[in-house]
Amino acid sequence: MAAKYDIVCDQGATFSRQLTWLDDSSSAVNLTGYTARMQVRETVESSSTLLSLTTENSRIALGGTAGTITLTVTAADTAAVVAGHYVYDLELVSGSTVYRLVQGCFTVDAEVTR
């Protein structure tokens, strides 16, 4: 079962967050050979994606044996998202196995200074 983790992102600012995947004994999971993907949508049922982060588009960097997952979105891309409350999930992929690691609310706080 995916962990619940709500994220707050500032509109118009660079967003960066680092997570670490730990196993049941609190040891880092070796992410060597994994890929990752994360989508932000208005609702679970929405067909359009507001933000797409993947290892392929370099918005997700995996830290190998350290088990770290670094999410990054540019200020220009966060500025393009209307302030509000959205949903997201983060999946890690190894071969044909998909792990939905985290899910929750993705809130974009409105920018005042532009």
Protein backbone atom coordinates (compact mmCIF):
# COMPACT_ATOMS: atom_id res chain seq x y z
CA MET A 1 0.00 0.00 0.00
CA ALA A 2 1.30 3.44 -0.95
CA ALA A 3 2.25 5.82 1.84
CA LYS A 4 0.20 9.02 2.20
CA TYR A 5 2.27 12.20 1.88
CA ASP A 6 0.83 15.61 1.08
CA ILE A 7 3.03 18.08 -0.81
CA VAL A 8 2.84 21.89 -0.88
CA CYS A 9 4.48 23.63 -3.83
CA ASP A 10 4.94 27.40 -4.21
CA GLN A 11 3.63 28.69 -7.54
CA GLY A 12 6.38 30.42 -9.53
CA ALA A 13 9.21 28.96 -7.43
CA THR A 14 11.56 26.08 -8.11
CA PHE A 15 10.21 22.97 -6.41
CA SER A 16 12.60 20.36 -5.05
CA ARG A 17 11.92 17.53 -2.62
CA GLN A 18 14.01 14.53 -1.65
CA LEU A 19 12.47 11.31 -0.36
CA THR A 20 14.21 8.13 0.76
CA TRP A 21 12.71 4.67 0.23
CA LEU A 22 13.40 2.48 3.26
CA ASP A 23 12.61 -1.20 3.60
CA ASP A 24 10.94 -2.83 6.64
CA SER A 25 14.25 -2.82 8.54
CA SER A 26 14.76 0.94 7.85
CA SER A 27 17.57 0.28 5.36
CA ALA A 28 17.68 2.22 2.10
CA VAL A 29 16.30 0.34 -0.91
CA ASN A 30 18.88 0.11 -3.71
CA LEU A 31 17.30 1.96 -6.66
CA THR A 32 20.00 1.04 -9.17
CA GLY A 33 18.26 0.00 -12.40
CA TYR A 34 14.91 1.53 -11.40
CA THR A 35 12.96 4.22 -13.22
CA ALA A 36 10.39 6.51 -11.65
CA ARG A 37 7.31 8.45 -12.68
CA MET A 38 4.99 10.90 -10.98
CA GLN A 39 1.92 12.73 -12.26
CA VAL A 40 -0.09 15.61 -10.82
CA ARG A 41 -3.74 15.82 -11.96
CA GLU A 42 -6.82 17.83 -10.97
CA THR A 43 -8.57 14.64 -9.81
CA VAL A 44 -7.84 10.93 -9.98
CA GLU A 45 -10.28 10.70 -12.92
CA SER A 46 -8.76 13.61 -14.90
CA SER A 47 -7.44 12.68 -18.33
CA SER A 48 -5.00 15.60 -18.50
CA THR A 49 -1.78 15.90 -16.53
CA LEU A 50 -0.74 19.20 -14.89
CA LEU A 51 2.81 18.07 -14.13
CA SER A 52 4.69 14.98 -15.25
CA LEU A 53 7.95 14.03 -13.56
CA THR A 54 9.99 11.05 -14.74
CA THR A 55 13.55 9.82 -14.71
CA GLU A 56 13.40 10.12 -18.50
CA ASN A 57 12.58 13.88 -18.44
CA SER A 58 15.15 14.44 -15.64
CA ARG A 59 12.57 15.75 -13.18
CA ILE A 60 13.24 12.70 -10.99
CA ALA A 61 16.76 11.63 -10.02
CA LEU A 62 17.33 8.32 -8.25
CA GLY A 63 20.20 7.95 -5.79
CA GLY A 64 21.10 4.29 -6.32
CA THR A 65 22.19 2.56 -3.10
CA ALA A 66 21.24 5.62 -1.00
CA GLY A 67 17.57 4.99 -1.86
CA THR A 68 16.93 8.67 -2.53
CA ILE A 69 14.35 10.04 -4.94
CA THR A 70 14.78 13.72 -5.82
CA LEU A 71 11.84 15.53 -7.42
CA THR A 72 12.50 18.81 -9.24
CA VAL A 73 10.23 21.22 -11.14
CA THR A 74 11.37 24.57 -12.58
CA ALA A 75 9.92 27.90 -11.47
CA ALA A 76 8.49 28.43 -14.96
CA ASP A 77 6.63 25.12 -14.78
CA THR A 78 5.19 25.76 -11.30
CA ALA A 79 4.11 29.25 -12.46
CA ALA A 80 2.06 27.61 -15.22
CA VAL A 81 -0.06 25.62 -12.73
CA VAL A 82 -3.12 27.40 -11.36
CA ALA A 83 -3.04 27.61 -7.55
CA GLY A 84 -5.22 24.93 -6.00
CA HIS A 85 -5.47 21.42 -4.61
CA TYR A 86 -4.62 18.46 -6.82
CA VAL A 87 -3.70 14.77 -6.51
CA TYR A 88 -0.51 12.89 -7.34
CA ASP A 89 1.20 9.57 -6.99
CA LEU A 90 4.79 8.42 -7.38
CA GLU A 91 5.67 5.05 -8.88
CA LEU A 92 9.02 3.23 -8.99
CA VAL A 93 9.55 0.64 -11.72
CA SER A 94 11.97 -2.28 -11.77
CA GLY A 95 11.58 -4.48 -14.86
CA SER A 96 7.88 -5.35 -15.07
CA THR A 97 7.24 -4.64 -11.35
CA VAL A 98 5.62 -1.31 -10.43
CA TYR A 99 5.62 -0.01 -6.86
CA ARG A 100 3.23 2.84 -6.07
CA LEU A 101 5.38 4.32 -3.33
CA VAL A 102 3.59 7.54 -2.32
CA GLN A 103 0.30 9.32 -3.02
CA GLY A 104 -1.55 12.33 -1.72
CA CYS A 105 -2.63 15.90 -2.19
CA PHE A 106 -0.43 18.26 -4.23
CA THR A 107 -1.23 21.83 -3.25
CA VAL A 108 0.05 24.79 -5.26
CA ASP A 109 0.13 27.97 -3.14
CA ALA A 110 -0.58 31.14 -5.13
CA GLU A 111 2.29 33.42 -6.05
CA VAL A 112 1.91 37.11 -5.17
CA THR A 113 5.16 38.52 -6.55
CA ARG A 114 5.48 38.04 -10.32
